[in-house]
Amino acid sequence: MRRALNARKITGTIGYIADIPPAGMAADEQGVEDYYRAQFSLAPIVLDQRAERYDWAIADFRGTPPGKRLPDEWRVVEDSGNGVLLLEKASR
């Protein structure tokens, strides 16, 4: 995923979309762990669960097929496997 971000010169803060909605993340131990692992592996890029604020996002759909969780305004740009996707806002 880092190569995909670097190739597109994506820096700063981007969105993070996961199987668990942001409101339920704190109550889901595995969800929190997945978020921090993603954040750690992509630093210095910052992942924000309020993905709608950004043009780019990382999706972490390990437990849900992307089609069931992917919001309509996003399109898949890169698939790193295991449910990890680089997304771009379709309206961009």
Protein backbone atom coordinates (compact mmCIF):
# COMPACT_ATOMS: atom_id res chain seq x y z
CA MET A 1 0.00 0.00 0.00
CA ARG A 2 2.88 2.35 0.74
CA ARG A 3 4.10 2.01 -2.86
CA ALA A 4 0.61 2.86 -4.16
CA LEU A 5 0.47 5.97 -1.95
CA ASN A 6 3.98 7.07 -2.92
CA ALA A 7 3.31 6.53 -6.64
CA ARG A 8 0.36 8.91 -6.40
CA LYS A 9 2.28 11.37 -4.18
CA ILE A 10 -0.35 11.05 -1.45
CA THR A 11 0.81 12.61 1.82
CA GLY A 12 -0.69 14.07 4.97
CA THR A 13 -3.99 12.77 6.29
CA ILE A 14 -6.30 10.40 4.43
CA GLY A 15 -9.47 8.54 5.38
CA TYR A 16 -9.78 5.11 6.95
CA ILE A 17 -12.83 2.91 6.32
CA ALA A 18 -13.18 -0.45 8.04
CA ASP A 19 -15.62 -3.27 8.66
CA ILE A 20 -16.62 -1.56 11.88
CA PRO A 21 -18.21 1.90 11.69
CA PRO A 22 -16.28 4.62 13.56
CA ALA A 23 -18.90 4.81 16.33
CA GLY A 24 -18.37 1.13 17.18
CA MET A 25 -14.60 1.00 16.78
CA ALA A 26 -13.71 1.63 20.44
CA ALA A 27 -15.81 -1.35 21.53
CA ASP A 28 -14.16 -3.74 19.06
CA GLU A 29 -10.71 -4.84 20.20
CA GLN A 30 -9.74 -6.37 16.84
CA GLY A 31 -10.96 -3.28 15.00
CA VAL A 32 -8.82 -1.01 17.17
CA GLU A 33 -5.82 -3.27 16.65
CA ASP A 34 -6.32 -3.28 12.87
CA TYR A 35 -6.57 0.53 12.83
CA TYR A 36 -3.36 1.01 14.83
CA ARG A 37 -1.46 -1.52 12.73
CA ALA A 38 -2.52 0.28 9.56
CA GLN A 39 -1.60 3.64 11.07
CA PHE A 40 1.80 2.37 12.21
CA SER A 41 2.64 0.77 8.86
CA LEU A 42 1.72 3.88 6.84
CA ALA A 43 3.25 6.57 9.07
CA PRO A 44 3.90 9.46 8.53
CA ILE A 45 0.55 9.37 6.69
CA VAL A 46 -2.25 9.87 9.22
CA LEU A 47 -5.45 7.80 8.98
CA ASP A 48 -8.71 9.50 9.97
CA GLN A 49 -11.92 7.51 10.46
CA ARG A 50 -13.91 10.49 9.16
CA ALA A 51 -13.07 9.44 5.61
CA GLU A 52 -15.72 11.64 4.00
CA ARG A 53 -13.44 14.64 4.64
CA TYR A 54 -10.75 13.40 2.25
CA ASP A 55 -10.23 12.55 -1.42
CA TRP A 56 -8.25 9.39 -0.58
CA ALA A 57 -8.85 6.59 1.92
CA ILE A 58 -7.57 3.20 2.98
CA ALA A 59 -10.23 0.52 3.32
CA ASP A 60 -9.66 -2.42 5.65
CA PHE A 61 -12.43 -4.92 4.88
CA ARG A 62 -11.00 -8.12 6.31
CA GLY A 63 -14.37 -9.46 7.46
CA THR A 64 -16.74 -8.00 4.89
CA PRO A 65 -16.70 -8.18 1.08
CA PRO A 66 -15.89 -4.67 -0.25
CA GLY A 67 -19.13 -4.44 -2.22
CA LYS A 68 -21.18 -4.68 0.97
CA ARG A 69 -19.31 -1.94 2.84
CA LEU A 70 -17.84 0.38 0.17
CA PRO A 71 -19.69 3.71 0.19
CA ASP A 72 -21.07 4.78 -3.21
CA GLU A 73 -18.88 7.87 -3.50
CA TRP A 74 -15.65 5.84 -3.46
CA ARG A 75 -13.92 3.78 -6.13
CA VAL A 76 -11.16 1.20 -5.73
CA VAL A 77 -7.82 2.37 -7.15
CA GLU A 78 -5.54 -0.33 -5.75
CA ASP A 79 -6.21 -3.73 -4.17
CA SER A 80 -3.39 -4.89 -1.90
CA GLY A 81 -5.14 -8.14 -1.04
CA ASN A 82 -6.63 -9.38 2.23
CA GLY A 83 -9.36 -6.71 2.06
CA VAL A 84 -6.96 -3.74 2.07
CA LEU A 85 -7.83 -1.21 -0.64
CA LEU A 86 -6.76 2.25 -1.70
CA LEU A 87 -9.87 4.30 -2.45
CA GLU A 88 -10.41 7.58 -4.26
CA LYS A 89 -13.55 9.67 -4.14
CA ALA A 90 -15.39 9.06 -7.39
CA SER A 91 -16.37 12.72 -7.65
CA ARG A 92 -12.73 13.80 -7.70
